[in-house]
């Protein structure tokens, strides 16, 4: 029997990939708050659109993003059915300044802003409708 080092390395790498995949799947699309987002505030001037009276949904997209069209439809639908909520889509490739400032690492990234432009929740990946509605409720509660 030969040296088992290669087999051990393959097993460790496989385990690491599985753990990373499970971690990412658990976090993908989850709207969460806290951290740096508690102080991040985006203005209407930065977004190029008027903020919603109650909340604003911001989506960072790219042309090659497979999940972006579905996320766009979801955000547009939620904003259209919720009075005082605006929807803004940002082309991440054209707005690298805003991508850096908002710490966007992938698309779609969704930010839920309160009426003053403060980020109250964020998701990397497509959020669920239920999570999005809950985040809008949180943003409009104050």
N, C-alpha and C. Protein backbone atom coordinates (compact mmCIF):
# COMPACT_ATOMS: atom_id res chain seq x y z
N UNK A 1 0.84 -1.17 0.00
CA UNK A 1 0.00 0.00 0.00
C UNK A 1 0.89 1.24 0.00
N UNK A 2 0.46 2.27 -0.76
CA UNK A 2 1.27 3.47 -0.92
C UNK A 2 1.07 4.47 0.21
N UNK A 3 1.65 5.62 0.02
CA UNK A 3 1.56 6.72 0.97
C UNK A 3 0.14 7.29 0.99
N UNK A 4 -0.49 7.38 2.16
CA UNK A 4 -1.87 7.86 2.24
C UNK A 4 -2.01 9.38 2.26
N UNK A 5 -0.91 10.11 2.09
CA UNK A 5 -0.95 11.57 2.18
C UNK A 5 -1.92 12.18 1.18
N UNK A 6 -1.89 11.72 -0.06
CA UNK A 6 -2.78 12.26 -1.09
C UNK A 6 -4.25 12.05 -0.75
N UNK A 7 -4.55 10.88 -0.20
CA UNK A 7 -5.92 10.57 0.18
C UNK A 7 -6.38 11.45 1.34
N UNK A 8 -5.49 11.68 2.29
CA UNK A 8 -5.82 12.54 3.44
C UNK A 8 -6.05 13.97 2.98
N UNK A 9 -5.17 14.47 2.10
CA UNK A 9 -5.32 15.84 1.59
C UNK A 9 -6.64 15.97 0.84
N UNK A 10 -6.99 15.00 0.01
CA UNK A 10 -8.25 15.03 -0.74
C UNK A 10 -9.45 15.03 0.21
N UNK A 11 -9.37 14.25 1.26
CA UNK A 11 -10.47 14.20 2.23
C UNK A 11 -10.63 15.53 2.96
N UNK A 12 -9.53 16.15 3.36
CA UNK A 12 -9.57 17.43 4.06
C UNK A 12 -10.12 18.52 3.15
N UNK A 13 -9.66 18.56 1.90
CA UNK A 13 -10.15 19.56 0.94
C UNK A 13 -11.65 19.35 0.68
N UNK A 14 -12.06 18.10 0.51
CA UNK A 14 -13.48 17.81 0.29
C UNK A 14 -14.34 18.26 1.47
N UNK A 15 -13.88 18.00 2.67
CA UNK A 15 -14.60 18.42 3.86
C UNK A 15 -14.69 19.95 3.93
N UNK A 16 -13.60 20.63 3.62
CA UNK A 16 -13.60 22.10 3.65
C UNK A 16 -14.58 22.65 2.62
N UNK A 17 -14.65 22.08 1.44
CA UNK A 17 -15.58 22.52 0.41
C UNK A 17 -17.03 22.31 0.86
N UNK A 18 -17.31 21.18 1.47
CA UNK A 18 -18.66 20.89 1.96
C UNK A 18 -19.06 21.88 3.05
N UNK A 19 -18.17 22.14 3.99
CA UNK A 19 -18.46 23.08 5.08
C UNK A 19 -18.70 24.48 4.52
N UNK A 20 -17.86 24.92 3.59
CA UNK A 20 -18.03 26.23 2.97
C UNK A 20 -19.36 26.30 2.23
N UNK A 21 -19.71 25.27 1.49
CA UNK A 21 -20.97 25.23 0.75
C UNK A 21 -22.17 25.32 1.67
N UNK A 22 -22.13 24.59 2.78
CA UNK A 22 -23.23 24.65 3.75
C UNK A 22 -23.33 26.03 4.39
N UNK A 23 -22.19 26.61 4.72
CA UNK A 23 -22.17 27.95 5.31
C UNK A 23 -22.75 28.96 4.34
N UNK A 24 -22.32 28.90 3.10
CA UNK A 24 -22.81 29.87 2.10
C UNK A 24 -24.29 29.67 1.82
N UNK A 25 -24.74 28.44 1.72
CA UNK A 25 -26.16 28.17 1.47
C UNK A 25 -27.01 28.69 2.63
N UNK A 26 -26.50 28.60 3.82
CA UNK A 26 -27.25 29.07 4.99
C UNK A 26 -27.37 30.58 5.02
N UNK A 27 -26.36 31.29 4.53
CA UNK A 27 -26.34 32.75 4.55
C UNK A 27 -26.88 33.37 3.27
N UNK A 28 -26.91 32.64 2.19
CA UNK A 28 -27.29 33.17 0.88
C UNK A 28 -28.71 33.74 0.90
N UNK A 29 -28.83 35.00 0.56
CA UNK A 29 -30.13 35.64 0.48
C UNK A 29 -30.75 36.04 1.80
N UNK A 30 -30.09 35.79 2.92
CA UNK A 30 -30.63 36.14 4.23
C UNK A 30 -30.45 37.64 4.46
N UNK A 31 -31.52 38.29 4.80
CA UNK A 31 -31.44 39.71 5.14
C UNK A 31 -30.98 39.82 6.59
N UNK A 32 -29.87 40.48 6.77
CA UNK A 32 -29.31 40.61 8.11
C UNK A 32 -28.87 42.05 8.33
N UNK A 33 -28.71 42.41 9.57
CA UNK A 33 -28.28 43.76 9.93
C UNK A 33 -27.08 43.70 10.83
N UNK A 34 -26.77 44.84 11.38
CA UNK A 34 -25.66 44.90 12.31
C UNK A 34 -24.34 45.20 11.63
N UNK A 35 -23.32 45.27 12.41
CA UNK A 35 -21.99 45.52 11.89
C UNK A 35 -21.87 46.90 11.25
N UNK A 36 -21.15 46.96 10.17
CA UNK A 36 -20.86 48.20 9.46
C UNK A 36 -22.13 48.86 8.94
N UNK A 37 -23.16 48.08 8.62
CA UNK A 37 -24.38 48.62 8.05
C UNK A 37 -25.11 49.56 9.00
N UNK A 38 -24.87 49.43 10.30
CA UNK A 38 -25.56 50.28 11.26
C UNK A 38 -25.21 51.75 11.07
N UNK A 39 -24.06 52.04 10.47
CA UNK A 39 -23.67 53.43 10.25
C UNK A 39 -23.70 53.83 8.78
N UNK A 40 -23.98 52.90 7.89
CA UNK A 40 -24.01 53.21 6.46
C UNK A 40 -25.32 53.90 6.12
N UNK A 41 -25.19 55.05 5.47
CA UNK A 41 -26.35 55.82 5.05
C UNK A 41 -26.12 56.24 3.60
N UNK A 42 -27.11 56.03 2.75
CA UNK A 42 -27.02 56.39 1.35
C UNK A 42 -28.03 57.49 1.05
N UNK A 43 -27.59 58.50 0.33
CA UNK A 43 -28.46 59.62 0.00
C UNK A 43 -29.10 59.44 -1.37
N UNK A 44 -30.14 60.23 -1.61
CA UNK A 44 -30.80 60.22 -2.91
C UNK A 44 -29.81 60.61 -4.00
N UNK A 45 -28.93 61.54 -3.70
CA UNK A 45 -27.92 61.96 -4.68
C UNK A 45 -26.98 60.83 -5.06
N UNK A 46 -26.57 60.03 -4.09
CA UNK A 46 -25.68 58.90 -4.37
C UNK A 46 -26.40 57.83 -5.19
N UNK A 47 -27.68 57.62 -4.88
CA UNK A 47 -28.44 56.58 -5.57
C UNK A 47 -28.94 57.05 -6.93
N UNK A 48 -29.02 58.36 -7.12
CA UNK A 48 -29.54 58.88 -8.38
C UNK A 48 -31.05 58.79 -8.48
N UNK A 49 -31.72 58.55 -7.37
CA UNK A 49 -33.18 58.42 -7.30
C UNK A 49 -33.65 59.00 -5.97
N UNK A 50 -34.91 59.34 -5.91
CA UNK A 50 -35.51 59.81 -4.68
C UNK A 50 -35.72 58.65 -3.72
N UNK A 51 -35.42 58.87 -2.46
CA UNK A 51 -35.68 57.85 -1.44
C UNK A 51 -37.18 57.72 -1.22
N UNK A 52 -37.61 56.53 -0.84
CA UNK A 52 -39.01 56.31 -0.51
C UNK A 52 -39.38 57.06 0.76
N UNK A 53 -40.63 57.45 0.88
CA UNK A 53 -41.09 58.16 2.07
C UNK A 53 -40.94 57.30 3.32
N UNK A 54 -41.10 55.98 3.17
CA UNK A 54 -41.02 55.07 4.32
C UNK A 54 -39.78 54.18 4.27
N UNK A 55 -39.39 53.73 3.09
CA UNK A 55 -38.23 52.83 2.94
C UNK A 55 -37.81 52.81 1.47
N UNK A 56 -36.60 52.32 1.24
CA UNK A 56 -36.08 52.17 -0.12
C UNK A 56 -35.38 50.83 -0.23
N UNK A 57 -35.70 50.11 -1.30
CA UNK A 57 -35.05 48.85 -1.60
C UNK A 57 -34.00 49.12 -2.68
N UNK A 58 -32.76 48.74 -2.41
CA UNK A 58 -31.66 48.97 -3.33
C UNK A 58 -31.09 47.63 -3.76
N UNK A 59 -30.98 47.43 -5.07
CA UNK A 59 -30.39 46.20 -5.60
C UNK A 59 -29.16 46.56 -6.41
N UNK A 60 -28.04 45.93 -6.08
CA UNK A 60 -26.82 46.03 -6.89
C UNK A 60 -26.83 44.84 -7.85
N UNK A 61 -26.73 45.13 -9.16
CA UNK A 61 -26.80 44.10 -10.19
C UNK A 61 -25.64 44.23 -11.16
N UNK A 62 -25.41 43.15 -11.91
CA UNK A 62 -24.49 43.16 -13.04
C UNK A 62 -25.17 42.46 -14.21
N UNK A 63 -24.65 42.68 -15.40
CA UNK A 63 -25.28 42.09 -16.58
C UNK A 63 -25.18 40.58 -16.60
N UNK A 64 -24.16 40.00 -16.00
CA UNK A 64 -23.98 38.55 -16.02
C UNK A 64 -24.63 37.83 -14.84
N UNK A 65 -25.29 38.56 -13.98
CA UNK A 65 -25.91 37.99 -12.78
C UNK A 65 -27.15 37.20 -13.17
N UNK A 66 -27.16 35.91 -12.86
CA UNK A 66 -28.28 35.03 -13.20
C UNK A 66 -29.49 35.29 -12.30
N UNK A 67 -29.25 35.60 -11.03
CA UNK A 67 -30.34 35.80 -10.07
C UNK A 67 -30.91 37.21 -10.07
N UNK A 68 -30.25 38.14 -10.74
CA UNK A 68 -30.66 39.55 -10.68
C UNK A 68 -32.04 39.82 -11.27
N UNK A 69 -32.41 39.25 -12.42
CA UNK A 69 -33.75 39.55 -12.95
C UNK A 69 -34.88 39.12 -12.01
N UNK A 70 -34.78 37.95 -11.41
CA UNK A 70 -35.80 37.50 -10.47
C UNK A 70 -35.84 38.37 -9.23
N UNK A 71 -34.68 38.76 -8.75
CA UNK A 71 -34.61 39.64 -7.58
C UNK A 71 -35.21 41.00 -7.93
N UNK A 72 -34.92 41.51 -9.11
CA UNK A 72 -35.48 42.78 -9.57
C UNK A 72 -37.01 42.73 -9.57
N UNK A 73 -37.57 41.64 -10.10
CA UNK A 73 -39.04 41.50 -10.13
C UNK A 73 -39.61 41.47 -8.72
N UNK A 74 -38.96 40.74 -7.82
CA UNK A 74 -39.42 40.65 -6.43
C UNK A 74 -39.40 42.02 -5.77
N UNK A 75 -38.29 42.74 -5.86
CA UNK A 75 -38.18 44.05 -5.23
C UNK A 75 -39.16 45.05 -5.84
N UNK A 76 -39.32 45.00 -7.15
CA UNK A 76 -40.28 45.90 -7.81
C UNK A 76 -41.70 45.60 -7.34
N UNK A 77 -42.03 44.33 -7.20
CA UNK A 77 -43.36 43.93 -6.76
C UNK A 77 -43.62 44.36 -5.33
N UNK A 78 -42.66 44.12 -4.45
CA UNK A 78 -42.83 44.51 -3.04
C UNK A 78 -42.93 46.03 -2.92
N UNK A 79 -42.11 46.76 -3.65
CA UNK A 79 -42.18 48.23 -3.55
C UNK A 79 -43.48 48.76 -4.14
N UNK A 80 -43.96 48.17 -5.22
CA UNK A 80 -45.21 48.62 -5.84
C UNK A 80 -46.42 48.34 -4.95
N UNK A 81 -46.35 47.28 -4.16
CA UNK A 81 -47.49 46.91 -3.32
C UNK A 81 -47.40 47.47 -1.91
N UNK A 82 -46.34 48.23 -1.62
CA UNK A 82 -46.17 48.80 -0.28
C UNK A 82 -46.07 50.31 -0.39
N UNK A 83 -47.07 51.04 0.06
CA UNK A 83 -47.05 52.51 -0.04
C UNK A 83 -45.82 53.11 0.63
N UNK A 84 -45.20 54.07 -0.05
CA UNK A 84 -44.06 54.79 0.50
C UNK A 84 -42.73 54.07 0.37
N UNK A 85 -42.71 52.94 -0.35
CA UNK A 85 -41.47 52.19 -0.53
C UNK A 85 -41.01 52.33 -1.98
N UNK A 86 -39.77 52.77 -2.17
CA UNK A 86 -39.19 52.95 -3.50
C UNK A 86 -38.22 51.81 -3.79
N UNK A 87 -37.97 51.60 -5.07
CA UNK A 87 -37.00 50.59 -5.51
C UNK A 87 -35.99 51.25 -6.43
N UNK A 88 -34.70 51.01 -6.15
CA UNK A 88 -33.61 51.55 -6.95
C UNK A 88 -32.68 50.41 -7.32
N UNK A 89 -32.38 50.29 -8.61
CA UNK A 89 -31.41 49.30 -9.05
C UNK A 89 -30.13 50.02 -9.45
N UNK A 90 -29.02 49.52 -8.96
CA UNK A 90 -27.70 50.10 -9.22
C UNK A 90 -26.90 49.14 -10.08
N UNK A 91 -26.35 49.64 -11.18
CA UNK A 91 -25.45 48.86 -12.02
C UNK A 91 -24.09 48.84 -11.33
N UNK A 92 -23.75 47.71 -10.74
CA UNK A 92 -22.52 47.61 -9.94
C UNK A 92 -21.27 47.88 -10.77
N UNK A 93 -21.32 47.53 -12.05
CA UNK A 93 -20.15 47.75 -12.91
C UNK A 93 -19.92 49.23 -13.18
N UNK A 94 -20.99 50.00 -13.21
CA UNK A 94 -20.89 51.43 -13.50
C UNK A 94 -20.70 52.27 -12.25
N UNK A 95 -21.01 51.72 -11.09
CA UNK A 95 -20.95 52.49 -9.83
C UNK A 95 -20.01 51.85 -8.83
N UNK A 96 -18.75 51.67 -9.24
CA UNK A 96 -17.77 51.04 -8.35
C UNK A 96 -17.55 51.83 -7.07
N UNK A 97 -17.72 53.15 -7.13
CA UNK A 97 -17.59 53.96 -5.91
C UNK A 97 -18.61 53.54 -4.87
N UNK A 98 -19.85 53.35 -5.30
CA UNK A 98 -20.91 52.95 -4.39
C UNK A 98 -20.76 51.49 -3.97
N UNK A 99 -20.27 50.65 -4.87
CA UNK A 99 -20.01 49.24 -4.55
C UNK A 99 -19.00 49.15 -3.42
N UNK A 100 -17.94 49.92 -3.51
CA UNK A 100 -16.91 49.92 -2.46
C UNK A 100 -17.47 50.47 -1.15
N UNK A 101 -18.18 51.57 -1.24
CA UNK A 101 -18.72 52.20 -0.03
C UNK A 101 -19.71 51.28 0.69
N UNK A 102 -20.52 50.56 -0.07
CA UNK A 102 -21.52 49.66 0.53
C UNK A 102 -20.97 48.26 0.76
N UNK A 103 -19.71 48.05 0.44
CA UNK A 103 -19.05 46.76 0.65
C UNK A 103 -19.79 45.61 -0.04
N UNK A 104 -20.12 45.83 -1.31
CA UNK A 104 -20.81 44.81 -2.11
C UNK A 104 -19.77 43.84 -2.64
N UNK A 105 -19.95 42.55 -2.34
CA UNK A 105 -19.00 41.53 -2.75
C UNK A 105 -19.53 40.65 -3.88
N UNK A 106 -20.86 40.63 -4.07
CA UNK A 106 -21.45 39.82 -5.13
C UNK A 106 -22.81 40.40 -5.49
N UNK A 107 -23.31 39.94 -6.61
CA UNK A 107 -24.64 40.37 -7.03
C UNK A 107 -25.55 39.17 -7.16
N UNK A 108 -26.83 39.33 -6.87
CA UNK A 108 -27.40 40.58 -6.37
C UNK A 108 -27.09 40.80 -4.89
N UNK A 109 -26.87 42.04 -4.54
CA UNK A 109 -26.85 42.45 -3.14
C UNK A 109 -28.02 43.39 -2.96
N UNK A 110 -28.80 43.16 -1.93
CA UNK A 110 -29.99 43.96 -1.65
C UNK A 110 -29.80 44.69 -0.33
N UNK A 111 -30.05 46.00 -0.35
CA UNK A 111 -30.05 46.81 0.86
C UNK A 111 -31.45 47.31 1.11
N UNK A 112 -31.88 47.28 2.35
CA UNK A 112 -33.16 47.85 2.75
C UNK A 112 -32.83 49.09 3.59
N UNK A 113 -33.25 50.25 3.08
CA UNK A 113 -32.97 51.52 3.74
C UNK A 113 -34.23 52.03 4.44
N UNK A 114 -34.05 52.73 5.55
CA UNK A 114 -35.19 53.39 6.17
C UNK A 114 -35.45 54.71 5.44
N UNK A 115 -36.38 55.51 5.93
CA UNK A 115 -36.75 56.75 5.25
C UNK A 115 -35.60 57.75 5.16
N UNK A 116 -34.62 57.64 6.05
CA UNK A 116 -33.48 58.56 6.06
C UNK A 116 -32.29 58.03 5.27
N UNK A 117 -32.41 56.84 4.68
CA UNK A 117 -31.32 56.28 3.90
C UNK A 117 -30.37 55.39 4.67
N UNK A 118 -30.67 55.11 5.94
CA UNK A 118 -29.81 54.22 6.74
C UNK A 118 -30.10 52.77 6.36
N UNK A 119 -29.05 51.99 6.21
CA UNK A 119 -29.21 50.57 5.89
C UNK A 119 -29.65 49.84 7.15
N UNK A 120 -30.81 49.20 7.08
CA UNK A 120 -31.30 48.44 8.23
C UNK A 120 -31.13 46.94 8.03
N UNK A 121 -31.08 46.50 6.76
CA UNK A 121 -30.86 45.09 6.44
C UNK A 121 -30.15 44.98 5.10
N UNK A 122 -29.43 43.86 4.93
CA UNK A 122 -28.76 43.58 3.67
C UNK A 122 -28.79 42.10 3.39
N UNK A 123 -28.75 41.74 2.11
CA UNK A 123 -28.69 40.34 1.70
C UNK A 123 -27.71 40.22 0.55
N UNK A 124 -26.87 39.22 0.62
CA UNK A 124 -26.01 38.85 -0.51
C UNK A 124 -26.65 37.63 -1.13
N UNK A 125 -27.16 37.80 -2.33
CA UNK A 125 -27.94 36.75 -2.96
C UNK A 125 -29.41 37.12 -2.91
N UNK A 126 -30.23 36.39 -3.63
CA UNK A 126 -31.65 36.74 -3.70
C UNK A 126 -32.39 36.44 -2.39
N UNK A 127 -33.07 37.44 -1.82
CA UNK A 127 -33.82 37.20 -0.59
C UNK A 127 -35.16 36.55 -0.89
N UNK A 128 -35.78 36.01 0.13
CA UNK A 128 -37.13 35.49 -0.03
C UNK A 128 -38.11 36.65 0.15
N UNK A 129 -39.31 36.47 -0.37
CA UNK A 129 -40.35 37.50 -0.21
C UNK A 129 -40.64 37.75 1.27
N UNK A 130 -40.75 36.68 2.06
CA UNK A 130 -41.06 36.83 3.48
C UNK A 130 -39.98 37.62 4.22
N UNK A 131 -38.71 37.33 3.94
CA UNK A 131 -37.62 38.07 4.57
C UNK A 131 -37.63 39.54 4.15
N UNK A 132 -37.92 39.77 2.87
CA UNK A 132 -37.95 41.13 2.36
C UNK A 132 -39.08 41.94 2.99
N UNK A 133 -40.25 41.36 3.09
CA UNK A 133 -41.40 42.04 3.70
C UNK A 133 -41.10 42.33 5.17
N UNK A 134 -40.49 41.40 5.88
CA UNK A 134 -40.11 41.62 7.29
C UNK A 134 -39.11 42.76 7.41
N UNK A 135 -38.15 42.81 6.50
CA UNK A 135 -37.15 43.88 6.54
C UNK A 135 -37.78 45.24 6.25
N UNK A 136 -38.73 45.27 5.32
CA UNK A 136 -39.44 46.52 5.03
C UNK A 136 -40.25 46.95 6.26
N UNK A 137 -40.90 46.00 6.91
CA UNK A 137 -41.63 46.32 8.15
C UNK A 137 -40.70 46.91 9.20
N UNK A 138 -39.51 46.33 9.32
CA UNK A 138 -38.53 46.84 10.28
C UNK A 138 -38.10 48.25 9.91
N UNK A 139 -37.84 48.48 8.62
CA UNK A 139 -37.39 49.80 8.17
C UNK A 139 -38.45 50.87 8.36
N UNK A 140 -39.71 50.48 8.27
CA UNK A 140 -40.79 51.47 8.37
C UNK A 140 -41.36 51.58 9.77
N UNK A 141 -40.88 50.77 10.70
CA UNK A 141 -41.43 50.76 12.06
C UNK A 141 -41.09 52.03 12.83
N UNK A 142 -39.95 52.63 12.54
CA UNK A 142 -39.55 53.81 13.31
C UNK A 142 -40.16 54.99 12.74
